C-alpha atoms as a PDB file:
ATOM      1  CA  UNK A   1       9.577 -35.816 -28.575  1.00  0.00           C
ATOM      2  CA  UNK A   2      11.649 -34.236 -25.851  1.00  0.00           C
ATOM      3  CA  UNK A   3       9.404 -31.639 -23.632  1.00  0.00           C
ATOM      4  CA  UNK A   4      10.575 -28.104 -23.733  1.00  0.00           C
ATOM      5  CA  UNK A   5      12.114 -26.888 -20.784  1.00  0.00           C
ATOM      6  CA  UNK A   6       9.812 -24.921 -18.006  1.00  0.00           C
ATOM      7  CA  UNK A   7      10.202 -21.433 -18.574  1.00  0.00           C
ATOM      8  CA  UNK A   8      12.051 -19.795 -15.578  1.00  0.00           C
ATOM      9  CA  UNK A   9       9.904 -18.149 -12.560  1.00  0.00           C
ATOM     10  CA  UNK A  10       9.397 -14.167 -12.946  1.00  0.00           C
ATOM     11  CA  UNK A  11      11.176 -12.108 -10.690  1.00  0.00           C
ATOM     12  CA  UNK A  12       9.200  -9.625  -8.529  1.00  0.00           C
ATOM     13  CA  UNK A  13      11.351  -6.851  -6.755  1.00  0.00           C
ATOM     14  CA  UNK A  14       9.417  -5.874  -3.529  1.00  0.00           C
ATOM     15  CA  UNK A  15      10.407  -3.076  -1.721  1.00  0.00           C
ATOM     16  CA  UNK A  16       9.107  -2.834   2.170  1.00  0.00           C
ATOM     17  CA  UNK A  17       8.999  -6.605   1.767  1.00  0.00           C
ATOM     18  CA  UNK A  18       9.186  -7.160   5.705  1.00  0.00           C
ATOM     19  CA  UNK A  19       6.154  -4.340   6.149  1.00  0.00           C
ATOM     20  CA  UNK A  20       2.557  -5.021   6.594  1.00  0.00           C
ATOM     21  CA  UNK A  21       1.353  -4.845   3.061  1.00  0.00           C
ATOM     22  CA  UNK A  22       4.769  -6.248   1.793  1.00  0.00           C
ATOM     23  CA  UNK A  23       4.614  -9.474   3.682  1.00  0.00           C
ATOM     24  CA  UNK A  24       1.179 -10.364   2.498  1.00  0.00           C
ATOM     25  CA  UNK A  25       1.988  -9.527  -1.068  1.00  0.00           C
ATOM     26  CA  UNK A  26       5.432 -11.648  -1.123  1.00  0.00           C
ATOM     27  CA  UNK A  27       3.633 -14.403   0.392  1.00  0.00           C
ATOM     28  CA  UNK A  28       1.000 -14.183  -2.508  1.00  0.00           C
ATOM     29  CA  UNK A  29       3.764 -13.964  -4.952  1.00  0.00           C
ATOM     30  CA  UNK A  30       5.445 -17.004  -3.788  1.00  0.00           C
ATOM     31  CA  UNK A  31       2.417 -19.102  -3.603  1.00  0.00           C
ATOM     32  CA  UNK A  32       1.876 -18.007  -7.327  1.00  0.00           C
ATOM     33  CA  UNK A  33       5.554 -19.462  -8.255  1.00  0.00           C
ATOM     34  CA  UNK A  34       7.247 -16.347  -8.407  1.00  0.00           C
ATOM     35  CA  UNK A  35      10.781 -15.442  -7.327  1.00  0.00           C
ATOM     36  CA  UNK A  36      10.969 -12.399  -4.754  1.00  0.00           C
ATOM     37  CA  UNK A  37      13.677 -10.317  -4.102  1.00  0.00           C
ATOM     38  CA  UNK A  38      12.865  -7.962  -1.211  1.00  0.00           C
ATOM     39  CA  UNK A  39      14.313  -5.218   0.473  1.00  0.00           C
ATOM     40  CA  UNK A  40      13.445  -3.536   3.932  1.00  0.00           C
ATOM     41  CA  UNK A  41      15.667  -1.435   6.328  1.00  0.00           C
ATOM     42  CA  UNK A  42      13.480  -2.706   9.417  1.00  0.00           C
ATOM     43  CA  UNK A  43      13.373   0.859  10.848  1.00  0.00           C
ATOM     44  CA  UNK A  44      11.895   1.462  14.182  1.00  0.00           C
ATOM     45  CA  UNK A  45       9.002   3.449  13.447  1.00  0.00           C
ATOM     46  CA  UNK A  46       6.976   0.581  14.984  1.00  0.00           C
ATOM     47  CA  UNK A  47       8.200  -2.785  16.672  1.00  0.00           C
ATOM     48  CA  UNK A  48      10.876  -4.074  14.870  1.00  0.00           C
ATOM     49  CA  UNK A  49      10.052  -7.401  16.364  1.00  0.00           C
ATOM     50  CA  UNK A  50       7.080  -7.640  14.255  1.00  0.00           C
ATOM     51  CA  UNK A  51       8.769  -6.822  10.914  1.00  0.00           C
ATOM     52  CA  UNK A  52      11.364  -9.361  11.917  1.00  0.00           C
ATOM     53  CA  UNK A  53       8.885 -12.200  12.561  1.00  0.00           C
ATOM     54  CA  UNK A  54       7.475 -11.588   9.078  1.00  0.00           C
ATOM     55  CA  UNK A  55      10.583 -11.455   7.349  1.00  0.00           C
ATOM     56  CA  UNK A  56      11.550 -14.838   8.827  1.00  0.00           C
ATOM     57  CA  UNK A  57       8.334 -16.263   7.896  1.00  0.00           C
ATOM     58  CA  UNK A  58       8.911 -15.266   4.492  1.00  0.00           C
ATOM     59  CA  UNK A  59      12.556 -16.698   4.372  1.00  0.00           C
ATOM     60  CA  UNK A  60      11.460 -20.136   4.754  1.00  0.00           C
ATOM     61  CA  UNK A  61      10.644 -19.999   0.965  1.00  0.00           C
ATOM     62  CA  UNK A  62      13.593 -20.878  -0.993  1.00  0.00           C
ATOM     63  CA  UNK A  63      12.184 -18.493  -3.734  1.00  0.00           C
ATOM     64  CA  UNK A  64      12.759 -15.479  -1.167  1.00  0.00           C
ATOM     65  CA  UNK A  65      15.966 -13.096  -1.185  1.00  0.00           C
ATOM     66  CA  UNK A  66      15.936 -10.326   1.289  1.00  0.00           C
ATOM     67  CA  UNK A  67      18.319  -7.226   1.382  1.00  0.00           C
ATOM     68  CA  UNK A  68      18.211  -5.147   4.803  1.00  0.00           C
ATOM     69  CA  UNK A  69      18.800  -1.846   3.574  1.00  0.00           C
ATOM     70  CA  UNK A  70      17.120   1.636   3.182  1.00  0.00           C
ATOM     71  CA  UNK A  71      15.806   2.379  -0.956  1.00  0.00           C
ATOM     72  CA  UNK A  72      17.199   5.731  -0.549  1.00  0.00           C
ATOM     73  CA  UNK A  73      20.879   4.459   0.031  1.00  0.00           C
ATOM     74  CA  UNK A  74      22.781   5.790  -3.019  1.00  0.00           C
ATOM     75  CA  UNK A  75      23.313   2.927  -5.461  1.00  0.00           C
ATOM     76  CA  UNK A  76      21.603   0.400  -3.481  1.00  0.00           C
ATOM     77  CA  UNK A  77      18.785  -0.021  -5.853  1.00  0.00           C
ATOM     78  CA  UNK A  78      20.796   0.079  -8.861  1.00  0.00           C
ATOM     79  CA  UNK A  79      22.795  -2.857  -7.735  1.00  0.00           C
ATOM     80  CA  UNK A  80      19.669  -5.000  -7.238  1.00  0.00           C
ATOM     81  CA  UNK A  81      18.384  -3.965 -10.435  1.00  0.00           C
ATOM     82  CA  UNK A  82      21.596  -5.197 -12.148  1.00  0.00           C
ATOM     83  CA  UNK A  83      21.781  -8.421 -10.147  1.00  0.00           C
ATOM     84  CA  UNK A  84      18.566  -9.704 -10.509  1.00  0.00           C
ATOM     85  CA  UNK A  85      16.844  -7.935 -13.817  1.00  0.00           C
ATOM     86  CA  UNK A  86      13.202  -7.799 -11.994  1.00  0.00           C
ATOM     87  CA  UNK A  87      10.446  -8.504 -14.229  1.00  0.00           C
ATOM     88  CA  UNK A  88       8.363  -6.776 -11.890  1.00  0.00           C
ATOM     89  CA  UNK A  89       8.909  -4.092  -9.338  1.00  0.00           C
ATOM     90  CA  UNK A  90       6.302  -3.298  -6.560  1.00  0.00           C
ATOM     91  CA  UNK A  91       7.460  -0.397  -4.556  1.00  0.00           C
ATOM     92  CA  UNK A  92       5.866  -0.181  -1.124  1.00  0.00           C
ATOM     93  CA  UNK A  93       8.762   1.017   0.751  1.00  0.00           C
ATOM     94  CA  UNK A  94       7.733   4.404   2.455  1.00  0.00           C
ATOM     95  CA  UNK A  95       7.833   6.306   5.479  1.00  0.00           C
ATOM     96  CA  UNK A  96       4.137   5.724   6.592  1.00  0.00           C
ATOM     97  CA  UNK A  97       1.666   7.652   8.912  1.00  0.00           C
ATOM     98  CA  UNK A  98      -0.251  11.079   8.241  1.00  0.00           C
ATOM     99  CA  UNK A  99       0.483  12.510  11.889  1.00  0.00           C
ATOM    100  CA  UNK A 100       4.310  11.372  12.226  1.00  0.00           C
ATOM    101  CA  UNK A 101       4.812  13.394   9.006  1.00  0.00           C
ATOM    102  CA  UNK A 102       4.171  16.423  11.107  1.00  0.00           C
ATOM    103  CA  UNK A 103       6.517  15.462  13.760  1.00  0.00           C
ATOM    104  CA  UNK A 104       9.322  14.314  11.572  1.00  0.00           C
ATOM    105  CA  UNK A 105       9.203  15.223   8.005  1.00  0.00           C
ATOM    106  CA  UNK A 106      12.376  14.891   6.619  1.00  0.00           C
ATOM    107  CA  UNK A 107      12.120  11.127   7.421  1.00  0.00           C
ATOM    108  CA  UNK A 108       9.299  11.351   4.438  1.00  0.00           C
ATOM    109  CA  UNK A 109      11.499  13.357   2.244  1.00  0.00           C
ATOM    110  CA  UNK A 110      14.308  10.938   2.307  1.00  0.00           C
ATOM    111  CA  UNK A 111      12.348   7.664   2.071  1.00  0.00           C
ATOM    112  CA  UNK A 112       9.402   8.452  -0.100  1.00  0.00           C
ATOM    113  CA  UNK A 113      11.211  11.229  -2.571  1.00  0.00           C
ATOM    114  CA  UNK A 114      14.723  10.081  -2.494  1.00  0.00           C
ATOM    115  CA  UNK A 115      13.922   6.400  -2.214  1.00  0.00           C
ATOM    116  CA  UNK A 116      11.365   6.513  -5.074  1.00  0.00           C
ATOM    117  CA  UNK A 117      14.136   8.554  -7.270  1.00  0.00           C
ATOM    118  CA  UNK A 118      16.635   5.741  -6.555  1.00  0.00           C
ATOM    119  CA  UNK A 119      14.182   3.184  -7.645  1.00  0.00           C
ATOM    120  CA  UNK A 120      12.923   5.135 -10.721  1.00  0.00           C
ATOM    121  CA  UNK A 121      16.658   5.889 -11.837  1.00  0.00           C
ATOM    122  CA  UNK A 122      17.505   1.748 -11.558  1.00  0.00           C
ATOM    123  CA  UNK A 123      14.583   1.212 -13.761  1.00  0.00           C
ATOM    124  CA  UNK A 124      15.654   3.591 -16.034  1.00  0.00           C
ATOM    125  CA  UNK A 125      19.076   1.371 -16.232  1.00  0.00           C
ATOM    126  CA  UNK A 126      17.601  -1.708 -16.171  1.00  0.00           C
ATOM    127  CA  UNK A 127      13.961  -1.290 -17.381  1.00  0.00           C
ATOM    128  CA  UNK A 128      11.273  -4.011 -15.796  1.00  0.00           C
ATOM    129  CA  UNK A 129       8.254  -5.107 -17.926  1.00  0.00           C
ATOM    130  CA  UNK A 130       6.037  -3.161 -15.260  1.00  0.00           C
ATOM    131  CA  UNK A 131       6.387  -0.994 -12.188  1.00  0.00           C
ATOM    132  CA  UNK A 132       3.484  -0.693  -9.400  1.00  0.00           C
ATOM    133  CA  UNK A 133       4.026   2.102  -7.197  1.00  0.00           C
ATOM    134  CA  UNK A 134       2.182   2.459  -3.978  1.00  0.00           C
ATOM    135  CA  UNK A 135       0.405   5.845  -3.411  1.00  0.00           C
ATOM    136  CA  UNK A 136      -2.391   6.658  -1.111  1.00  0.00           C
ATOM    137  CA  UNK A 137      -6.010   7.707  -0.645  1.00  0.00           C
ATOM    138  CA  UNK A 138      -4.659  10.706   1.044  1.00  0.00           C
ATOM    139  CA  UNK A 139      -3.428  12.228  -2.340  1.00  0.00           C
ATOM    140  CA  UNK A 140      -7.123  13.270  -2.895  1.00  0.00           C
ATOM    141  CA  UNK A 141      -6.371  15.874   0.064  1.00  0.00           C
ATOM    142  CA  UNK A 142      -9.202  18.100   0.522  1.00  0.00           C
ATOM    143  CA  UNK A 143     -11.540  16.773  -2.505  1.00  0.00           C
ATOM    144  CA  UNK A 144     -15.198  16.739  -1.288  1.00  0.00           C
ATOM    145  CA  UNK A 145     -16.609  15.149  -4.112  1.00  0.00           C
ATOM    146  CA  UNK A 146     -17.173  11.307  -3.423  1.00  0.00           C
ATOM    147  CA  UNK A 147     -16.584   8.678  -4.227  1.00  0.00           C
ATOM    148  CA  UNK A 148     -12.892   9.586  -5.132  1.00  0.00           C
ATOM    149  CA  UNK A 149     -12.129   9.121  -8.889  1.00  0.00           C
ATOM    150  CA  UNK A 150      -8.442   8.449 -10.595  1.00  0.00           C
ATOM    151  CA  UNK A 151      -9.776  11.132 -12.624  1.00  0.00           C
ATOM    152  CA  UNK A 152     -10.563  13.762 -10.406  1.00  0.00           C
ATOM    153  CA  UNK A 153      -7.956  16.248  -9.487  1.00  0.00           C
ATOM    154  CA  UNK A 154      -5.747  15.874  -6.603  1.00  0.00           C
ATOM    155  CA  UNK A 155      -3.981  19.380  -5.895  1.00  0.00           C
ATOM    156  CA  UNK A 156      -4.792  20.025  -2.246  1.00  0.00           C
ATOM    157  CA  UNK A 157      -2.756  17.382   0.059  1.00  0.00           C
ATOM    158  CA  UNK A 158      -3.204  18.210   3.634  1.00  0.00           C
ATOM    159  CA  UNK A 159      -0.458  16.488   4.982  1.00  0.00           C
ATOM    160  CA  UNK A 160       3.318  16.126   4.187  1.00  0.00           C
ATOM    161  CA  UNK A 161       2.716  12.423   3.877  1.00  0.00           C
ATOM    162  CA  UNK A 162       0.369  12.565   1.346  1.00  0.00           C
ATOM    163  CA  UNK A 163       2.314  15.443  -0.470  1.00  0.00           C
ATOM    164  CA  UNK A 164       5.019  13.200  -0.807  1.00  0.00           C
ATOM    165  CA  UNK A 165       3.409  10.341  -2.218  1.00  0.00           C
ATOM    166  CA  UNK A 166       1.623  12.718  -4.723  1.00  0.00           C
ATOM    167  CA  UNK A 167       4.995  13.948  -5.725  1.00  0.00           C
ATOM    168  CA  UNK A 168       6.274  10.427  -6.384  1.00  0.00           C
ATOM    169  CA  UNK A 169       2.924  10.083  -8.732  1.00  0.00           C
ATOM    170  CA  UNK A 170       4.520  12.955 -10.754  1.00  0.00           C
ATOM    171  CA  UNK A 171       7.980  11.785 -10.627  1.00  0.00           C
ATOM    172  CA  UNK A 172       6.915   8.515 -11.940  1.00  0.00           C
ATOM    173  CA  UNK A 173       5.130  10.072 -14.583  1.00  0.00           C
ATOM    174  CA  UNK A 174       7.698  11.877 -16.036  1.00  0.00           C
ATOM    175  CA  UNK A 175       9.987   8.740 -16.222  1.00  0.00           C
ATOM    176  CA  UNK A 176       7.214   6.631 -17.816  1.00  0.00           C
ATOM    177  CA  UNK A 177       6.903   9.659 -20.389  1.00  0.00           C
ATOM    178  CA  UNK A 178      10.685  10.204 -21.178  1.00  0.00           C
ATOM    179  CA  UNK A 179      11.947   6.433 -20.777  1.00  0.00           C
ATOM    180  CA  UNK A 180       8.863   4.600 -21.886  1.00  0.00           C
ATOM    181  CA  UNK A 181       8.577   2.892 -18.364  1.00  0.00           C
ATOM    182  CA  UNK A 182       5.175   1.221 -17.666  1.00  0.00           C
ATOM    183  CA  UNK A 183       4.132   2.397 -14.276  1.00  0.00           C
ATOM    184  CA  UNK A 184       0.564   1.692 -12.275  1.00  0.00           C
ATOM    185  CA  UNK A 185       0.183   3.879  -9.502  1.00  0.00           C
ATOM    186  CA  UNK A 186      -2.144   2.245  -6.919  1.00  0.00           C
ATOM    187  CA  UNK A 187      -4.179   4.492  -4.379  1.00  0.00           C
ATOM    188  CA  UNK A 188      -5.008   2.443  -1.373  1.00  0.00           C
ATOM    189  CA  UNK A 189      -7.415   3.268   1.265  1.00  0.00           C
ATOM    190  CA  UNK A 190      -7.103   2.473   5.040  1.00  0.00           C
ATOM    191  CA  UNK A 191      -5.798  -1.073   4.811  1.00  0.00           C
ATOM    192  CA  UNK A 192      -6.317  -3.610   7.922  1.00  0.00           C
ATOM    193  CA  UNK A 193      -5.913  -7.211   8.608  1.00  0.00           C
ATOM    194  CA  UNK A 194      -3.860  -9.915  10.489  1.00  0.00           C
ATOM    195  CA  UNK A 195       0.260  -8.505  10.861  1.00  0.00           C
ATOM    196  CA  UNK A 196      -1.269  -5.096  10.519  1.00  0.00           C
ATOM    197  CA  UNK A 197       0.732  -2.002  11.941  1.00  0.00           C
ATOM    198  CA  UNK A 198       0.681  -0.748  15.673  1.00  0.00           C
ATOM    199  CA  UNK A 199       0.015   2.946  14.947  1.00  0.00           C
ATOM    200  CA  UNK A 200      -3.147   2.161  12.858  1.00  0.00           C
ATOM    201  CA  UNK A 201      -6.450   2.444  14.488  1.00  0.00           C
ATOM    202  CA  UNK A 202      -7.330  -1.003  14.402  1.00  0.00           C
ATOM    203  CA  UNK A 203      -4.337  -2.466  16.458  1.00  0.00           C
ATOM    204  CA  UNK A 204      -4.303   0.449  18.693  1.00  0.00           C
ATOM    205  CA  UNK A 205      -8.060  -0.050  19.436  1.00  0.00           C
ATOM    206  CA  UNK A 206      -7.808  -3.699  20.022  1.00  0.00           C
ATOM    207  CA  UNK A 207      -4.925  -3.341  22.016  1.00  0.00           C
ATOM    208  CA  UNK A 208      -6.460  -0.868  24.507  1.00  0.00           C
ATOM    209  CA  UNK A 209      -9.909  -2.480  24.386  1.00  0.00           C
ATOM    210  CA  UNK A 210      -8.394  -5.852  25.505  1.00  0.00           C
ATOM    211  CA  UNK A 211      -6.267  -3.993  27.952  1.00  0.00           C
ATOM    212  CA  UNK A 212      -9.255  -2.214  29.806  1.00  0.00           C
ATOM    213  CA  UNK A 213      -7.892   1.174  28.371  1.00  0.00           C
ATOM    214  CA  UNK A 214      -9.864   4.158  26.836  1.00  0.00           C
ATOM    215  CA  UNK A 215      -9.525   4.977  23.053  1.00  0.00           C
ATOM    216  CA  UNK A 216      -8.827   8.109  21.456  1.00  0.00           C
ATOM    217  CA  UNK A 217     -11.500   8.722  18.942  1.00  0.00           C
ATOM    218  CA  UNK A 218     -11.024  11.708  16.809  1.00  0.00           C
ATOM    219  CA  UNK A 219     -13.346  14.071  15.297  1.00  0.00           C
ATOM    220  CA  UNK A 220     -15.812  12.976  17.965  1.00  0.00           C
ATOM    221  CA  UNK A 221     -15.878   9.841  15.996  1.00  0.00           C
ATOM    222  CA  UNK A 222     -17.612  11.582  13.129  1.00  0.00           C
ATOM    223  CA  UNK A 223     -15.272  10.068  10.356  1.00  0.00           C
ATOM    224  CA  UNK A 224     -15.880   7.552   7.485  1.00  0.00           C
ATOM    225  CA  UNK A 225     -13.017   5.358   6.013  1.00  0.00           C
ATOM    226  CA  UNK A 226     -13.080   2.951   2.980  1.00  0.00           C
ATOM    227  CA  UNK A 227     -11.486   0.185   5.195  1.00  0.00           C
ATOM    228  CA  UNK A 228      -9.758  -2.140   2.741  1.00  0.00           C
ATOM    229  CA  UNK A 229      -8.857  -5.786   3.779  1.00  0.00           C
ATOM    230  CA  UNK A 230      -5.026  -6.771   3.270  1.00  0.00           C
ATOM    231  CA  UNK A 231      -5.759  -9.937   1.238  1.00  0.00           C
ATOM    232  CA  UNK A 232      -8.320  -7.652  -0.804  1.00  0.00           C
ATOM    233  CA  UNK A 233      -5.627  -5.312  -1.634  1.00  0.00           C
ATOM    234  CA  UNK A 234      -2.948  -8.025  -2.451  1.00  0.00           C
ATOM    235  CA  UNK A 235      -5.105  -9.538  -4.839  1.00  0.00           C
ATOM    236  CA  UNK A 236      -5.938  -6.442  -6.794  1.00  0.00           C
ATOM    237  CA  UNK A 237      -2.219  -5.895  -6.991  1.00  0.00           C
ATOM    238  CA  UNK A 238      -1.823  -9.133  -8.554  1.00  0.00           C
ATOM    239  CA  UNK A 239      -4.139  -8.972 -10.886  1.00  0.00           C
ATOM    240  CA  UNK A 240      -2.748  -5.407 -11.897  1.00  0.00           C
ATOM    241  CA  UNK A 241       0.578  -6.966 -12.506  1.00  0.00           C
ATOM    242  CA  UNK A 242      -0.675  -8.263 -15.584  1.00  0.00           C
ATOM    243  CA  UNK A 243      -2.842  -4.838 -16.574  1.00  0.00           C
ATOM    244  CA  UNK A 244       0.303  -3.331 -18.220  1.00  0.00           C
ATOM    245  CA  UNK A 245      -0.457   0.453 -19.158  1.00  0.00           C
ATOM    246  CA  UNK A 246       0.596   1.149 -22.823  1.00  0.00           C
ATOM    247  CA  UNK A 247       1.016   4.857 -23.998  1.00  0.00           C
ATOM    248  CA  UNK A 248      -2.358   5.568 -25.880  1.00  0.00           C
ATOM    249  CA  UNK A 249      -2.132   6.006 -29.754  1.00  0.00           C
ATOM    250  CA  UNK A 250      -2.384   9.893 -30.453  1.00  0.00           C
ATOM    251  CA  UNK A 251      -3.158  10.702 -26.949  1.00  0.00           C
ATOM    252  CA  UNK A 252      -6.659   9.239 -27.029  1.00  0.00           C
ATOM    253  CA  UNK A 253      -7.850   8.074 -23.442  1.00  0.00           C
ATOM    254  CA  UNK A 254     -11.200   6.228 -22.874  1.00  0.00           C
ATOM    255  CA  UNK A 255     -13.504   7.845 -20.417  1.00  0.00           C
ATOM    256  CA  UNK A 256     -13.279   7.202 -17.035  1.00  0.00           C
ATOM    257  CA  UNK A 257      -9.591   5.814 -17.446  1.00  0.00           C
ATOM    258  CA  UNK A 258      -6.706   7.448 -15.796  1.00  0.00           C
ATOM    259  CA  UNK A 259      -4.211   6.423 -18.210  1.00  0.00           C
ATOM    260  CA  UNK A 260      -1.778   9.375 -19.140  1.00  0.00           C
ATOM    261  CA  UNK A 261      -2.214  10.901 -22.593  1.00  0.00           C
ATOM    262  CA  UNK A 262       1.548  11.069 -22.886  1.00  0.00           C
ATOM    263  CA  UNK A 263       3.013   7.878 -21.180  1.00  0.00           C
ATOM    264  CA  UNK A 264       2.249   4.303 -20.231  1.00  0.00           C
ATOM    265  CA  UNK A 265       1.096   5.709 -16.961  1.00  0.00           C
ATOM    266  CA  UNK A 266      -1.984   4.798 -14.793  1.00  0.00           C
ATOM    267  CA  UNK A 267      -3.459   5.740 -11.286  1.00  0.00           C
ATOM    268  CA  UNK A 268      -5.731   2.985 -10.015  1.00  0.00           C
ATOM    269  CA  UNK A 269      -7.936   3.334  -6.813  1.00  0.00           C
ATOM    270  CA  UNK A 270      -7.606  -0.092  -4.708  1.00  0.00           C
ATOM    271  CA  UNK A 271     -10.604   0.263  -1.856  1.00  0.00           C
ATOM    272  CA  UNK A 272     -13.684  -1.565  -0.436  1.00  0.00           C
ATOM    273  CA  UNK A 273     -15.789   0.948  -2.375  1.00  0.00           C
ATOM    274  CA  UNK A 274     -18.002   1.341   0.838  1.00  0.00           C
ATOM    275  CA  UNK A 275     -17.219   4.197   3.637  1.00  0.00           C
ATOM    276  CA  UNK A 276     -17.940   2.923   6.854  1.00  0.00           C
ATOM    277  CA  UNK A 277     -18.428   5.559  10.147  1.00  0.00           C
ATOM    278  CA  UNK A 278     -15.662   5.105  12.658  1.00  0.00           C
ATOM    279  CA  UNK A 279     -18.186   4.375  15.377  1.00  0.00           C
ATOM    280  CA  UNK A 280     -19.393   1.040  13.358  1.00  0.00           C
ATOM    281  CA  UNK A 281     -15.760   0.060  13.076  1.00  0.00           C
ATOM    282  CA  UNK A 282     -15.500   0.313  16.945  1.00  0.00           C
ATOM    283  CA  UNK A 283     -18.308  -1.685  17.134  1.00  0.00           C
ATOM    284  CA  UNK A 284     -16.851  -4.283  15.343  1.00  0.00           C
ATOM    285  CA  UNK A 285     -13.718  -4.581  17.362  1.00  0.00           C
ATOM    286  CA  UNK A 286     -16.037  -4.512  20.437  1.00  0.00           C
ATOM    287  CA  UNK A 287     -17.929  -7.821  19.047  1.00  0.00           C
ATOM    288  CA  UNK A 288     -14.861  -9.109  17.891  1.00  0.00           C
ATOM    289  CA  UNK A 289     -13.070  -8.830  21.429  1.00  0.00           C
ATOM    290  CA  UNK A 290     -16.321  -9.316  23.709  1.00  0.00           C
ATOM    291  CA  UNK A 291     -15.310  -6.156  25.296  1.00  0.00           C
ATOM    292  CA  UNK A 292     -16.966  -2.425  25.556  1.00  0.00           C
ATOM    293  CA  UNK A 293     -14.624   0.275  24.705  1.00  0.00           C
ATOM    294  CA  UNK A 294     -14.439   3.360  26.821  1.00  0.00           C
ATOM    295  CA  UNK A 295     -14.132   6.451  24.386  1.00  0.00           C
ATOM    296  CA  UNK A 296     -11.746   9.455  24.985  1.00  0.00           C
ATOM    297  CA  UNK A 297     -13.552  11.808  22.310  1.00  0.00           C
ATOM    298  CA  UNK A 298     -10.938  14.230  20.462  1.00  0.00           C
ATOM    299  CA  UNK A 299     -10.933  16.889  17.742  1.00  0.00           C
ATOM    300  CA  UNK A 300      -9.767  16.281  14.473  1.00  0.00           C
ATOM    301  CA  UNK A 301      -5.990  15.760  14.060  1.00  0.00           C
ATOM    302  CA  UNK A 302      -4.320  17.825  12.009  1.00  0.00           C
ATOM    303  CA  UNK A 303      -3.777  16.730   8.399  1.00  0.00           C
ATOM    304  CA  UNK A 304      -6.425  14.358   8.747  1.00  0.00           C
ATOM    305  CA  UNK A 305      -9.544  14.166   6.553  1.00  0.00           C
ATOM    306  CA  UNK A 306     -13.528  13.311   7.897  1.00  0.00           C
ATOM    307  CA  UNK A 307     -14.023  11.005   5.062  1.00  0.00           C
ATOM    308  CA  UNK A 308     -12.527   8.456   2.369  1.00  0.00           C
ATOM    309  CA  UNK A 309     -14.443   6.704  -0.454  1.00  0.00           C
ATOM    310  CA  UNK A 310     -12.922   4.870  -3.496  1.00  0.00           C
ATOM    311  CA  UNK A 311     -14.652   4.637  -6.751  1.00  0.00           C
ATOM    312  CA  UNK A 312     -13.202   1.252  -8.042  1.00  0.00           C
ATOM    313  CA  UNK A 313     -14.965   1.310 -11.492  1.00  0.00           C
ATOM    314  CA  UNK A 314     -11.571   1.391 -13.204  1.00  0.00           C
ATOM    315  CA  UNK A 315      -9.967  -1.412 -11.277  1.00  0.00           C
ATOM    316  CA  UNK A 316     -12.953  -3.982 -12.031  1.00  0.00           C
ATOM    317  CA  UNK A 317     -12.726  -2.606 -15.630  1.00  0.00           C
ATOM    318  CA  UNK A 318      -8.911  -3.608 -16.013  1.00  0.00           C
ATOM    319  CA  UNK A 319      -8.976  -7.059 -13.581  1.00  0.00           C
ATOM    320  CA  UNK A 320     -12.882  -8.010 -13.287  1.00  0.00           C
ATOM    321  CA  UNK A 321     -11.880  -7.756  -9.508  1.00  0.00           C
ATOM    322  CA  UNK A 322     -13.461  -5.920  -6.789  1.00  0.00           C
ATOM    323  CA  UNK A 323     -12.638  -6.178  -3.230  1.00  0.00           C
ATOM    324  CA  UNK A 324     -15.448  -7.676  -0.905  1.00  0.00           C
ATOM    325  CA  UNK A 325     -14.405  -8.477   2.692  1.00  0.00           C
ATOM    326  CA  UNK A 326     -16.728  -6.774   4.966  1.00  0.00           C
ATOM    327  CA  UNK A 327     -15.604  -5.061   8.006  1.00  0.00           C
ATOM    328  CA  UNK A 328     -16.642  -7.353  10.760  1.00  0.00           C
ATOM    329  CA  UNK A 329     -15.411 -10.053   8.925  1.00  0.00           C
ATOM    330  CA  UNK A 330     -11.741  -8.707   8.192  1.00  0.00           C
ATOM    331  CA  UNK A 331     -12.019  -7.126  12.102  1.00  0.00           C
ATOM    332  CA  UNK A 332     -12.666 -10.585  13.720  1.00  0.00           C
ATOM    333  CA  UNK A 333      -9.744 -11.916  11.633  1.00  0.00           C
ATOM    334  CA  UNK A 334      -7.238  -9.370  12.977  1.00  0.00           C
ATOM    335  CA  UNK A 335      -8.828  -9.829  16.471  1.00  0.00           C
ATOM    336  CA  UNK A 336      -7.953 -13.458  16.300  1.00  0.00           C
ATOM    337  CA  UNK A 337      -4.376 -12.948  14.976  1.00  0.00           C
ATOM    338  CA  UNK A 338      -3.601 -10.665  17.685  1.00  0.00           C
ATOM    339  CA  UNK A 339      -5.015 -12.596  20.483  1.00  0.00           C
ATOM    340  CA  UNK A 340      -2.843 -15.627  18.869  1.00  0.00           C
ATOM    341  CA  UNK A 341       0.242 -13.726  18.240  1.00  0.00           C
ATOM    342  CA  UNK A 342       0.132 -11.922  21.714  1.00  0.00           C
ATOM    343  CA  UNK A 343      -1.115 -14.636  23.958  1.00  0.00           C
ATOM    344  CA  UNK A 344      -4.091 -12.811  24.995  1.00  0.00           C
END
């Protein structure tokens, strides 16, 4: 008998593919045999050369295709969906950063709101099997009950960045309800690791410490974050791809599940489920660099929150996976990458 032909590889559309998380996710998808179509506008919010280097590395794989444009460009996403008919869409493109959203809120409106609208309209015309859209732990805003559970109300965002991400959750839910599009929103918690963003604390602290400069420590160091190593985040996303939400019969949802009673829509936390004091995070950087930090103690930044902590029970229930990388291990990996990349 003639063997049946191998099934063609599935296609994933990854927005923000040259970004920190997008790069790592695209790598994982390619390694798993997916065809990956990426889009990234390579904007100058931080060093474009870092994005170009990530993109160049991905382009070494024949299964990777990239378009350099913005997701909010009218018709661009519609054209990509029509041309490639993606099986899965992972929407990571966004204007990031809590503090920058105070200085330049319009860029968040255009990228996060309008860009997500363009993607949802394209998915309405050419429905994928599953859409996974990045949200943020900042959506929990002023909530003080921790760990943050997906079923908790999240109505009081404290930055415009967080407000735009929460708005995309509502937008995606309406499309899931109206058009039956399966959507998973994942809220991630302070992601860090090699190839990370220069505007994030780990990158800024490492650079300053190695250069012998003081670091700015907000709220006098009295802050906790649920630091999530990037490969743990990617592993969770890869597993969630297969956990496609289904509209519940008669609107009955299991306890602890964030599944919508009226749509194939779910919110899932991805975090390390272990809050770490900022001073301990700095200590891990000092240990990895072998240098002591000079601290410039500052007041809390507007729009920031004193603590984040993820309840990952739902993630584990859906995938059997729980992120495990400890901060000292993850910080060491970043510092090793930083020294190698910058020749320090």
